[in-house]
């Protein structure tokens, strides 16, 4: 829980290595500060780049009495001298500055975490869901945040279709909320979104590209875009498909059945398909394909001007990166 909106914490410590949840906690904390001053400035420091004196510079009182937020990301990378400055500041924080420190929760920089806790910092811990039941809880929570509900069968279908990446799950939940009328999301709604629209989805496009079927993949990609499938979901599906190859291909060979499914975080039916797809792939090709999808992800999220071209290019590189024919 965040502190009362009328009295935001002067120092907030966010602990956890789940990037999506940590980013969400940061956004919520900044929004909380902006609840008292919509025009508040945000200054960011990167842990690995911050130098002694940087915190004092950005946290200095404004001549005009303006409030500000100072965000330190990857605080586990801070130099010892900077850690000492952060702890000294936390012991006597400025009245018009809100300090947010994000730490991955590991052993590195633990003295900073312990010192901030001792200084009375407000602590937010973000825990990465590691079990299927926890991921289902996350899905249900996403719909509750939007004032909606989802049936257990629909939540499971969504998890099976999208996978365990929280950012992609959150995007899928948001899209379903936006596109689906009514209070409750059921399995039919999930099926319509992911298997509807002329049976074209990002997942079918990803499977065709991974299997080397360039013509079919491009044809279905163009149809999907024409019928309104969000580019961000298509690029997420491409990334999911390639990650599945990497997970299954890199799993210990002695794992079978449920053990393998638990290890790689994929349902058994999907593992079988991925195993068949692996016959056409090698490590170098997989690396090249992943890099192409990473570029496409940036392009469809605003770095480029033509999402369709970015996706077509990614599909072409995926097919060309296969070592088997």
Protein backbone atom coordinates (compact mmCIF):
# COMPACT_ATOMS: atom_id res chain seq x y z
CA UNK A 1 0.00 0.00 0.00
CA UNK A 2 1.13 3.52 -0.77
CA UNK A 3 0.95 6.18 1.92
CA UNK A 4 -1.94 8.62 2.04
CA UNK A 5 -2.14 10.70 -1.16
CA UNK A 6 -2.21 13.89 0.90
CA UNK A 7 1.11 13.06 2.55
CA UNK A 8 3.45 11.17 0.16
CA UNK A 9 6.54 9.55 1.68
CA UNK A 10 9.71 11.65 1.43
CA UNK A 11 11.73 8.51 0.64
CA UNK A 12 10.36 5.39 -1.09
CA UNK A 13 12.35 2.19 -1.56
CA UNK A 14 11.11 -0.20 -4.29
CA UNK A 15 12.62 -3.68 -4.03
CA UNK A 16 12.35 -6.43 -6.65
CA UNK A 17 13.79 -7.65 -9.95
CA UNK A 18 10.48 -7.98 -11.83
CA UNK A 19 10.88 -5.07 -14.25
CA UNK A 20 7.21 -4.61 -15.11
CA UNK A 21 6.03 -4.58 -11.49
CA UNK A 22 8.89 -2.31 -10.44
CA UNK A 23 8.04 0.14 -13.24
CA UNK A 24 4.40 0.07 -12.20
CA UNK A 25 5.34 0.83 -8.59
CA UNK A 26 7.53 3.70 -9.77
CA UNK A 27 4.72 5.14 -11.89
CA UNK A 28 2.26 4.84 -9.00
CA UNK A 29 4.65 6.58 -6.62
CA UNK A 30 5.29 9.43 -9.07
CA UNK A 31 1.53 9.74 -9.63
CA UNK A 32 1.06 9.92 -5.88
CA UNK A 33 3.52 12.81 -5.67
CA UNK A 34 1.77 14.53 -8.56
CA UNK A 35 -1.47 14.23 -6.63
CA UNK A 36 -0.17 17.08 -4.46
CA UNK A 37 1.43 19.00 -7.35
CA UNK A 38 0.52 18.17 -10.99
CA UNK A 39 3.48 20.18 -12.26
CA UNK A 40 6.09 18.32 -10.23
CA UNK A 41 9.45 17.71 -11.97
CA UNK A 42 11.01 14.24 -12.16
CA UNK A 43 14.81 13.86 -12.20
CA UNK A 44 16.28 10.41 -12.94
CA UNK A 45 19.68 9.01 -11.98
CA UNK A 46 20.98 5.66 -13.27
CA UNK A 47 22.73 3.63 -10.59
CA UNK A 48 25.70 2.69 -12.73
CA UNK A 49 26.26 6.27 -13.91
CA UNK A 50 25.54 8.37 -10.81
CA UNK A 51 28.55 10.21 -9.41
CA UNK A 52 29.15 11.81 -6.00
CA UNK A 53 27.34 15.12 -5.86
CA UNK A 54 24.64 14.19 -8.41
CA UNK A 55 21.99 13.60 -5.74
CA UNK A 56 22.74 16.90 -4.02
CA UNK A 57 22.51 18.70 -7.35
CA UNK A 58 19.06 17.35 -8.38
CA UNK A 59 17.66 17.42 -4.83
CA UNK A 60 18.66 21.01 -4.15
CA UNK A 61 15.77 23.24 -3.05
CA UNK A 62 14.19 25.20 -5.88
CA UNK A 63 14.43 28.99 -5.85
CA UNK A 64 10.73 29.06 -6.66
CA UNK A 65 9.70 26.48 -4.08
CA UNK A 66 8.73 23.88 -6.71
CA UNK A 67 8.41 20.27 -5.61
CA UNK A 68 10.33 17.51 -7.40
CA UNK A 69 10.84 13.76 -7.57
CA UNK A 70 14.30 12.19 -7.71
CA UNK A 71 14.27 8.64 -9.07
CA UNK A 72 17.33 6.40 -8.74
CA UNK A 73 17.05 3.29 -10.93
CA UNK A 74 19.25 0.19 -10.56
CA UNK A 75 20.37 1.41 -7.17
CA UNK A 76 22.31 -1.82 -6.61
CA UNK A 77 24.87 -0.40 -9.07
CA UNK A 78 25.57 2.76 -7.05
CA UNK A 79 29.14 3.48 -6.03
CA UNK A 80 29.94 3.32 -2.32
CA UNK A 81 30.39 7.09 -2.11
CA UNK A 82 26.99 7.69 -3.70
CA UNK A 83 25.35 5.15 -1.38
CA UNK A 84 26.72 7.12 1.56
CA UNK A 85 25.23 10.30 0.10
CA UNK A 86 21.82 8.64 -0.41
CA UNK A 87 21.77 7.36 3.18
CA UNK A 88 22.81 10.76 4.53
CA UNK A 89 20.03 12.38 2.53
CA UNK A 90 17.43 9.81 3.68
CA UNK A 91 18.27 10.62 7.28
CA UNK A 92 17.26 14.25 6.70
CA UNK A 93 15.23 14.52 3.46
CA UNK A 94 14.17 17.83 1.95
CA UNK A 95 10.54 18.84 2.44
CA UNK A 96 9.88 19.57 -1.24
CA UNK A 97 11.61 16.48 -2.73
CA UNK A 98 10.38 12.89 -2.99
CA UNK A 99 13.21 10.38 -3.38
CA UNK A 100 12.42 7.04 -5.06
CA UNK A 101 15.11 4.34 -4.96
CA UNK A 102 14.63 1.18 -7.07
CA UNK A 103 16.79 -1.82 -6.08
CA UNK A 104 16.64 -5.31 -7.59
CA UNK A 105 16.59 -7.00 -4.18
CA UNK A 106 19.86 -8.90 -4.63
CA UNK A 107 22.86 -9.01 -2.33
CA UNK A 108 24.69 -6.26 -4.21
CA UNK A 109 24.04 -2.91 -2.56
CA UNK A 110 22.31 -4.54 0.42
CA UNK A 111 23.82 -1.91 2.73
CA UNK A 112 21.77 0.70 0.88
CA UNK A 113 18.55 -1.28 1.36
CA UNK A 114 19.23 -1.86 5.05
CA UNK A 115 20.19 1.76 5.59
CA UNK A 116 17.09 3.13 3.87
CA UNK A 117 14.85 0.84 5.88
CA UNK A 118 16.56 1.97 9.07
CA UNK A 119 16.05 5.59 8.03
CA UNK A 120 12.31 4.97 7.80
CA UNK A 121 11.84 4.82 4.03
CA UNK A 122 8.48 3.61 2.77
CA UNK A 123 9.16 0.14 1.33
CA UNK A 124 7.35 -1.41 -1.65
CA UNK A 125 8.32 -5.01 -2.45
CA UNK A 126 7.43 -6.36 -5.89
CA UNK A 127 7.52 -10.15 -6.07
CA UNK A 128 7.68 -11.94 -9.41
CA UNK A 129 4.99 -14.63 -9.77
CA UNK A 130 6.78 -17.95 -10.21
CA UNK A 131 3.90 -20.44 -10.02
CA UNK A 132 0.98 -20.84 -12.45
CA UNK A 133 -1.47 -20.05 -9.66
CA UNK A 134 0.32 -16.78 -8.91
CA UNK A 135 0.18 -15.79 -12.58
CA UNK A 136 -3.54 -16.51 -12.62
CA UNK A 137 -3.88 -14.28 -9.55
CA UNK A 138 -2.03 -11.57 -11.48
CA UNK A 139 -4.47 -11.88 -14.40
CA UNK A 140 -7.46 -11.66 -12.09
CA UNK A 141 -5.90 -8.64 -10.42
CA UNK A 142 -5.46 -6.87 -13.77
CA UNK A 143 -9.18 -7.16 -14.47
CA UNK A 144 -10.07 -6.08 -10.94
CA UNK A 145 -7.94 -2.95 -11.44
CA UNK A 146 -10.12 -2.16 -14.45
CA UNK A 147 -13.35 -2.87 -12.57
CA UNK A 148 -13.97 -6.10 -14.48
CA UNK A 149 -13.85 -9.82 -13.73
CA UNK A 150 -12.62 -12.86 -15.65
CA UNK A 151 -13.77 -16.46 -15.27
CA UNK A 152 -11.22 -19.08 -14.11
CA UNK A 153 -11.39 -20.87 -17.47
CA UNK A 154 -10.83 -17.62 -19.36
CA UNK A 155 -7.87 -16.69 -17.14
CA UNK A 156 -6.27 -20.09 -17.81
CA UNK A 157 -6.90 -19.77 -21.56
CA UNK A 158 -5.28 -16.33 -21.55
CA UNK A 159 -2.24 -17.60 -19.63
CA UNK A 160 -1.85 -20.53 -22.04
CA UNK A 161 -2.09 -18.25 -25.05
CA UNK A 162 0.14 -15.39 -23.92
CA UNK A 163 2.67 -17.05 -21.62
CA UNK A 164 4.20 -15.93 -18.34
CA UNK A 165 5.69 -12.53 -19.26
CA UNK A 166 3.86 -10.05 -17.03
CA UNK A 167 4.17 -7.10 -19.39
CA UNK A 168 2.60 -9.11 -22.21
CA UNK A 169 -0.09 -10.49 -19.92
CA UNK A 170 -0.95 -6.99 -18.74
CA UNK A 171 -1.15 -5.74 -22.34
CA UNK A 172 -3.44 -8.64 -23.27
CA UNK A 173 -5.69 -7.99 -20.26
CA UNK A 174 -5.88 -4.30 -21.13
CA UNK A 175 -6.78 -5.08 -24.73
CA UNK A 176 -9.53 -7.49 -23.66
CA UNK A 177 -10.97 -4.91 -21.29
CA UNK A 178 -10.98 -2.33 -24.07
CA UNK A 179 -12.44 -4.60 -26.76
CA UNK A 180 -14.90 -6.73 -24.78
CA UNK A 181 -18.23 -5.35 -23.54
CA UNK A 182 -19.90 -6.50 -20.32
CA UNK A 183 -18.65 -6.87 -16.79
CA UNK A 184 -17.23 -10.40 -17.03
CA UNK A 185 -14.67 -11.75 -19.51
CA UNK A 186 -15.34 -15.40 -20.33
CA UNK A 187 -13.45 -18.07 -22.25
CA UNK A 188 -15.42 -17.31 -25.41
CA UNK A 189 -14.20 -13.70 -25.30
CA UNK A 190 -10.58 -14.83 -24.99
CA UNK A 191 -11.08 -17.27 -27.86
CA UNK A 192 -12.66 -14.61 -30.05
CA UNK A 193 -9.77 -12.25 -29.49
CA UNK A 194 -6.91 -14.70 -29.89
CA UNK A 195 -8.42 -17.21 -32.27
CA UNK A 196 -11.01 -15.06 -33.99
CA UNK A 197 -10.67 -12.48 -36.76
CA UNK A 198 -10.55 -15.14 -39.49
CA UNK A 199 -8.44 -17.37 -37.22
CA UNK A 200 -5.56 -14.90 -37.58
CA UNK A 201 -3.59 -14.04 -34.44
CA UNK A 202 -0.10 -13.04 -33.56
CA UNK A 203 0.46 -16.60 -32.38
CA UNK A 204 -0.40 -18.16 -35.71
CA UNK A 205 1.81 -15.62 -37.47
CA UNK A 206 4.66 -16.45 -35.08
CA UNK A 207 4.26 -20.19 -35.67
CA UNK A 208 4.29 -19.75 -39.45
CA UNK A 209 7.41 -17.55 -39.33
CA UNK A 210 9.24 -19.89 -36.96
CA UNK A 211 8.38 -22.83 -39.22
CA UNK A 212 9.81 -20.99 -42.24
CA UNK A 213 6.53 -20.37 -44.08
CA UNK A 214 7.27 -16.84 -45.25
CA UNK A 215 4.44 -16.36 -47.74
CA UNK A 216 1.75 -17.58 -45.36
CA UNK A 217 3.17 -15.63 -42.44
CA UNK A 218 3.22 -12.35 -44.38
CA UNK A 219 -0.25 -12.97 -45.79
CA UNK A 220 -1.71 -13.54 -42.33
CA UNK A 221 0.24 -10.63 -40.87
CA UNK A 222 -1.29 -8.25 -43.41
CA UNK A 223 -4.74 -9.68 -42.80
CA UNK A 224 -4.33 -9.37 -39.04
CA UNK A 225 -3.31 -5.72 -39.30
CA UNK A 226 -6.19 -5.02 -41.70
CA UNK A 227 -8.70 -6.52 -39.25
CA UNK A 228 -7.44 -4.53 -36.29
CA UNK A 229 -5.04 -6.81 -34.39
CA UNK A 230 -2.76 -4.54 -32.37
CA UNK A 231 0.87 -4.50 -33.67
CA UNK A 232 2.18 -4.66 -30.10
CA UNK A 233 0.40 -7.99 -29.57
CA UNK A 234 1.82 -9.39 -32.81
CA UNK A 235 5.37 -8.46 -31.89
CA UNK A 236 4.79 -9.90 -28.41
CA UNK A 237 3.66 -13.16 -29.98
CA UNK A 238 6.79 -13.27 -32.16
CA UNK A 239 8.95 -12.70 -29.08
CA UNK A 240 7.02 -15.34 -27.14
CA UNK A 241 7.50 -17.90 -29.90
CA UNK A 242 11.25 -17.34 -30.07
CA UNK A 243 11.60 -17.35 -26.29
CA UNK A 244 9.74 -20.66 -26.20
CA UNK A 245 12.30 -22.10 -28.63
CA UNK A 246 15.14 -20.87 -26.40
CA UNK A 247 13.53 -22.18 -23.20
CA UNK A 248 12.72 -25.65 -24.52
CA UNK A 249 15.98 -25.94 -26.46
CA UNK A 250 18.01 -24.95 -23.41
CA UNK A 251 16.16 -27.10 -20.87
CA UNK A 252 17.95 -30.08 -19.26
CA UNK A 253 17.40 -33.12 -21.46
CA UNK A 254 16.40 -35.33 -18.54
CA UNK A 255 13.24 -33.32 -17.86
CA UNK A 256 9.98 -34.73 -19.14
CA UNK A 257 6.27 -34.05 -18.89
CA UNK A 258 5.18 -31.93 -15.97
CA UNK A 259 8.74 -31.30 -14.79
CA UNK A 260 9.68 -29.80 -18.16
CA UNK A 261 6.46 -27.78 -18.31
CA UNK A 262 7.15 -26.36 -14.85
CA UNK A 263 10.80 -25.62 -15.69
CA UNK A 264 10.09 -23.66 -18.89
CA UNK A 265 6.74 -22.17 -17.82
CA UNK A 266 4.79 -23.48 -20.83
CA UNK A 267 1.75 -25.78 -21.07
CA UNK A 268 2.52 -29.37 -22.25
CA UNK A 269 0.65 -28.96 -25.56
CA UNK A 270 2.81 -26.00 -26.49
CA UNK A 271 6.03 -27.78 -25.56
CA UNK A 272 5.28 -30.51 -28.09
CA UNK A 273 4.81 -27.98 -30.87
CA UNK A 274 7.96 -26.11 -29.89
CA UNK A 275 9.95 -29.35 -29.97
CA UNK A 276 8.86 -29.93 -33.54
CA UNK A 277 9.77 -26.35 -34.46
CA UNK A 278 13.24 -26.65 -32.92
CA UNK A 279 14.36 -28.98 -35.71
CA UNK A 280 14.88 -25.96 -37.96
CA UNK A 281 16.82 -23.77 -35.54
CA UNK A 282 20.32 -23.22 -34.22
CA UNK A 283 21.69 -20.84 -31.55
CA UNK A 284 23.04 -18.21 -33.97
CA UNK A 285 19.85 -18.06 -35.99
CA UNK A 286 17.75 -17.79 -32.85
CA UNK A 287 19.91 -14.92 -31.59
CA UNK A 288 19.57 -13.08 -34.91
CA UNK A 289 15.80 -13.54 -34.93
CA UNK A 290 15.46 -12.29 -31.35
CA UNK A 291 17.45 -9.17 -32.18
CA UNK A 292 15.15 -8.50 -35.14
CA UNK A 293 12.07 -8.81 -32.94
CA UNK A 294 13.62 -6.49 -30.35
CA UNK A 295 14.08 -3.87 -33.08
CA UNK A 296 10.48 -4.38 -34.24
CA UNK A 297 9.27 -4.00 -30.65
CA UNK A 298 10.91 -0.57 -30.43
CA UNK A 299 9.49 0.41 -33.81
CA UNK A 300 5.87 -0.49 -33.04
CA UNK A 301 6.06 1.23 -29.65
CA UNK A 302 6.90 4.61 -31.10
CA UNK A 303 10.50 4.56 -32.31
CA UNK A 304 9.40 4.03 -35.92
CA UNK A 305 6.76 5.46 -38.23
CA UNK A 306 5.54 2.28 -39.95
CA UNK A 307 4.63 -0.63 -37.62
CA UNK A 308 3.50 -2.79 -40.56
CA UNK A 309 6.90 -2.52 -42.26
CA UNK A 310 8.69 -3.22 -38.96
CA UNK A 311 6.64 -6.38 -38.44
CA UNK A 312 7.11 -7.57 -42.02
CA UNK A 313 10.86 -7.06 -41.70
CA UNK A 314 10.93 -9.03 -38.45
CA UNK A 315 9.02 -11.93 -40.02
CA UNK A 316 11.42 -11.97 -42.98
CA UNK A 317 14.46 -12.06 -40.70
CA UNK A 318 12.94 -14.83 -38.56
CA UNK A 319 12.37 -17.02 -41.61
CA UNK A 320 15.84 -16.26 -43.02
CA UNK A 321 17.46 -17.10 -39.68
CA UNK A 322 16.34 -20.73 -39.69
CA UNK A 323 19.17 -23.20 -40.29
CA UNK A 324 16.87 -26.03 -41.38
CA UNK A 325 14.66 -26.26 -44.42
